[in-house]
Amino acid sequence: MNLENTQVQMRKGILEFCILHIISRGEVYASDMLEELTSAKIMVVEGTLYPLLTRLRKAGLVEYKWVESSSGPPRKYYTITDDGKSFVKNLDMTWKELVKSTGEIISNKKSK
């Protein structure tokens, strides 16, 4: 089994959750999302982020607006919808349960 592949799959599994959390804090530009994800060591590229943002928008979880920029073309800023807030709240509960469950499993020193 390939360790790197497994690590990538683990990160992909939480990417949507992390992106929704970032957007839930307020209006955000995609490059700011990329910067935060990268600084948190969740490596993602634009080619992954933009299709995911499109899926989230089509699902009604986020929306965007164009904002004129004084230093270039207009920018697309994302915000979370009411449905998105509810979705994130449910994901938060799931995350907490998973952290607790996996913590119990990986800290169990018993062997059979």
C-alpha atoms as a PDB file:
ATOM      1  CA  MET A   1       0.000   0.000   0.000  1.00  0.00           C
ATOM      2  CA  ASN A   2       1.204   3.498  -0.796  1.00  0.00           C
ATOM      3  CA  LEU A   3       1.477   5.753   2.287  1.00  0.00           C
ATOM      4  CA  GLU A   4       1.406   8.990   0.305  1.00  0.00           C
ATOM      5  CA  ASN A   5      -1.765   7.951  -1.537  1.00  0.00           C
ATOM      6  CA  THR A   6      -3.499   7.115   1.749  1.00  0.00           C
ATOM      7  CA  GLN A   7      -2.471  10.479   3.217  1.00  0.00           C
ATOM      8  CA  VAL A   8      -3.828  12.316   0.164  1.00  0.00           C
ATOM      9  CA  GLN A   9      -7.126  10.441   0.439  1.00  0.00           C
ATOM     10  CA  MET A  10      -7.431  11.333   4.117  1.00  0.00           C
ATOM     11  CA  ARG A  11      -6.886  15.021   3.333  1.00  0.00           C
ATOM     12  CA  LYS A  12      -9.376  14.951   0.449  1.00  0.00           C
ATOM     13  CA  GLY A  13     -11.956  13.498   2.800  1.00  0.00           C
ATOM     14  CA  ILE A  14     -11.932  16.609   4.986  1.00  0.00           C
ATOM     15  CA  LEU A  15     -11.310  19.249   2.327  1.00  0.00           C
ATOM     16  CA  GLU A  16     -14.981  20.108   1.783  1.00  0.00           C
ATOM     17  CA  PHE A  17     -15.502  20.390   5.543  1.00  0.00           C
ATOM     18  CA  CYS A  18     -12.523  22.741   5.911  1.00  0.00           C
ATOM     19  CA  ILE A  19     -13.588  24.902   2.970  1.00  0.00           C
ATOM     20  CA  LEU A  20     -17.109  25.259   4.327  1.00  0.00           C
ATOM     21  CA  HIS A  21     -15.676  26.260   7.709  1.00  0.00           C
ATOM     22  CA  ILE A  22     -13.478  28.914   6.131  1.00  0.00           C
ATOM     23  CA  ILE A  23     -16.413  30.334   4.173  1.00  0.00           C
ATOM     24  CA  SER A  24     -18.694  30.201   7.226  1.00  0.00           C
ATOM     25  CA  ARG A  25     -16.523  32.804   8.969  1.00  0.00           C
ATOM     26  CA  GLY A  26     -17.428  35.444   6.396  1.00  0.00           C
ATOM     27  CA  GLU A  27     -16.958  36.579   2.828  1.00  0.00           C
ATOM     28  CA  VAL A  28     -13.777  35.091   1.408  1.00  0.00           C
ATOM     29  CA  TYR A  29     -11.814  35.090  -1.843  1.00  0.00           C
ATOM     30  CA  ALA A  30     -10.613  31.761  -3.278  1.00  0.00           C
ATOM     31  CA  SER A  31      -6.910  32.607  -3.070  1.00  0.00           C
ATOM     32  CA  ASP A  32      -7.343  33.379   0.635  1.00  0.00           C
ATOM     33  CA  MET A  33      -8.887  29.919   1.070  1.00  0.00           C
ATOM     34  CA  LEU A  34      -5.932  28.352  -0.736  1.00  0.00           C
ATOM     35  CA  GLU A  35      -3.502  30.249   1.480  1.00  0.00           C
ATOM     36  CA  GLU A  36      -5.206  29.156   4.698  1.00  0.00           C
ATOM     37  CA  LEU A  37      -5.486  25.527   3.592  1.00  0.00           C
ATOM     38  CA  THR A  38      -1.834  25.471   2.547  1.00  0.00           C
ATOM     39  CA  SER A  39      -0.655  27.043   5.800  1.00  0.00           C
ATOM     40  CA  ALA A  40      -2.632  24.346   7.656  1.00  0.00           C
ATOM     41  CA  LYS A  41      -0.784  21.736   5.559  1.00  0.00           C
ATOM     42  CA  ILE A  42      -3.894  20.726   3.646  1.00  0.00           C
ATOM     43  CA  MET A  43      -2.361  20.913   0.217  1.00  0.00           C
ATOM     44  CA  VAL A  44      -4.827  21.872  -2.475  1.00  0.00           C
ATOM     45  CA  VAL A  45      -4.466  23.456  -5.885  1.00  0.00           C
ATOM     46  CA  GLU A  46      -6.784  25.733  -7.834  1.00  0.00           C
ATOM     47  CA  GLY A  47      -7.709  22.813 -10.086  1.00  0.00           C
ATOM     48  CA  THR A  48      -9.187  21.074  -7.055  1.00  0.00           C
ATOM     49  CA  LEU A  49     -10.637  24.089  -5.245  1.00  0.00           C
ATOM     50  CA  TYR A  50     -12.669  25.671  -8.035  1.00  0.00           C
ATOM     51  CA  PRO A  51     -14.610  22.529  -9.036  1.00  0.00           C
ATOM     52  CA  LEU A  52     -15.362  21.904  -5.356  1.00  0.00           C
ATOM     53  CA  LEU A  53     -16.620  25.479  -4.932  1.00  0.00           C
ATOM     54  CA  THR A  54     -18.825  24.988  -7.988  1.00  0.00           C
ATOM     55  CA  ARG A  55     -20.290  21.781  -6.502  1.00  0.00           C
ATOM     56  CA  LEU A  56     -20.940  23.546  -3.198  1.00  0.00           C
ATOM     57  CA  ARG A  57     -22.662  26.404  -5.018  1.00  0.00           C
ATOM     58  CA  LYS A  58     -24.810  24.043  -7.093  1.00  0.00           C
ATOM     59  CA  ALA A  59     -25.764  22.224  -3.886  1.00  0.00           C
ATOM     60  CA  GLY A  60     -26.957  25.547  -2.445  1.00  0.00           C
ATOM     61  CA  LEU A  61     -24.391  25.563   0.372  1.00  0.00           C
ATOM     62  CA  VAL A  62     -22.411  28.612  -0.768  1.00  0.00           C
ATOM     63  CA  GLU A  63     -22.985  31.568  -3.034  1.00  0.00           C
ATOM     64  CA  TYR A  64     -20.733  34.196  -4.490  1.00  0.00           C
ATOM     65  CA  LYS A  65     -20.707  37.740  -5.694  1.00  0.00           C
ATOM     66  CA  TRP A  66     -18.377  39.613  -7.992  1.00  0.00           C
ATOM     67  CA  VAL A  67     -16.520  42.548  -6.459  1.00  0.00           C
ATOM     68  CA  GLU A  68     -14.613  45.088  -8.513  1.00  0.00           C
ATOM     69  CA  SER A  69     -10.907  45.261  -7.765  1.00  0.00           C
ATOM     70  CA  SER A  70      -8.751  48.370  -8.036  1.00  0.00           C
ATOM     71  CA  SER A  71      -5.724  46.219  -8.885  1.00  0.00           C
ATOM     72  CA  GLY A  72      -7.102  43.984 -11.614  1.00  0.00           C
ATOM     73  CA  PRO A  73     -10.142  42.048 -12.742  1.00  0.00           C
ATOM     74  CA  PRO A  74     -13.210  41.620 -10.519  1.00  0.00           C
ATOM     75  CA  ARG A  75     -12.941  39.029  -7.756  1.00  0.00           C
ATOM     76  CA  LYS A  76     -15.423  36.343  -6.798  1.00  0.00           C
ATOM     77  CA  TYR A  77     -16.138  36.339  -3.056  1.00  0.00           C
ATOM     78  CA  TYR A  78     -17.873  33.374  -1.444  1.00  0.00           C
ATOM     79  CA  THR A  79     -20.343  33.335   1.446  1.00  0.00           C
ATOM     80  CA  ILE A  80     -22.211  30.501   3.102  1.00  0.00           C
ATOM     81  CA  THR A  81     -25.977  30.128   2.719  1.00  0.00           C
ATOM     82  CA  ASP A  82     -28.432  29.241   5.474  1.00  0.00           C
ATOM     83  CA  ASP A  83     -28.490  25.671   4.123  1.00  0.00           C
ATOM     84  CA  GLY A  84     -24.688  25.710   4.224  1.00  0.00           C
ATOM     85  CA  LYS A  85     -24.702  26.812   7.869  1.00  0.00           C
ATOM     86  CA  SER A  86     -26.990  23.928   8.770  1.00  0.00           C
ATOM     87  CA  PHE A  87     -24.841  21.529   6.743  1.00  0.00           C
ATOM     88  CA  VAL A  88     -21.660  22.662   8.534  1.00  0.00           C
ATOM     89  CA  LYS A  89     -23.364  22.332  11.912  1.00  0.00           C
ATOM     90  CA  ASN A  90     -24.176  18.691  11.119  1.00  0.00           C
ATOM     91  CA  LEU A  91     -20.662  18.079   9.808  1.00  0.00           C
ATOM     92  CA  ASP A  92     -19.278  19.551  13.043  1.00  0.00           C
ATOM     93  CA  MET A  93     -21.177  16.960  15.054  1.00  0.00           C
ATOM     94  CA  THR A  94     -19.955  14.190  12.765  1.00  0.00           C
ATOM     95  CA  TRP A  95     -16.375  15.468  13.012  1.00  0.00           C
ATOM     96  CA  LYS A  96     -16.474  15.529  16.819  1.00  0.00           C
ATOM     97  CA  GLU A  97     -17.812  11.970  16.878  1.00  0.00           C
ATOM     98  CA  LEU A  98     -15.099  10.810  14.465  1.00  0.00           C
ATOM     99  CA  VAL A  99     -12.325  12.492  16.443  1.00  0.00           C
ATOM    100  CA  LYS A 100     -13.592  10.880  19.651  1.00  0.00           C
ATOM    101  CA  SER A 101     -13.981   7.448  18.039  1.00  0.00           C
ATOM    102  CA  THR A 102     -10.626   7.458  16.278  1.00  0.00           C
ATOM    103  CA  GLY A 103      -8.970   8.810  19.424  1.00  0.00           C
ATOM    104  CA  GLU A 104     -10.314   5.879  21.398  1.00  0.00           C
ATOM    105  CA  ILE A 105      -9.139   3.420  18.767  1.00  0.00           C
ATOM    106  CA  ILE A 106      -5.619   4.774  18.293  1.00  0.00           C
ATOM    107  CA  SER A 107      -5.022   5.253  22.018  1.00  0.00           C
ATOM    108  CA  ASN A 108      -6.146   1.716  22.894  1.00  0.00           C
ATOM    109  CA  LYS A 109      -3.019  -0.149  23.965  1.00  0.00           C
ATOM    110  CA  LYS A 110      -4.687  -3.539  24.334  1.00  0.00           C
ATOM    111  CA  SER A 111      -3.729  -6.285  21.957  1.00  0.00           C
ATOM    112  CA  LYS A 112      -5.706  -9.426  21.381  1.00  0.00           C
END
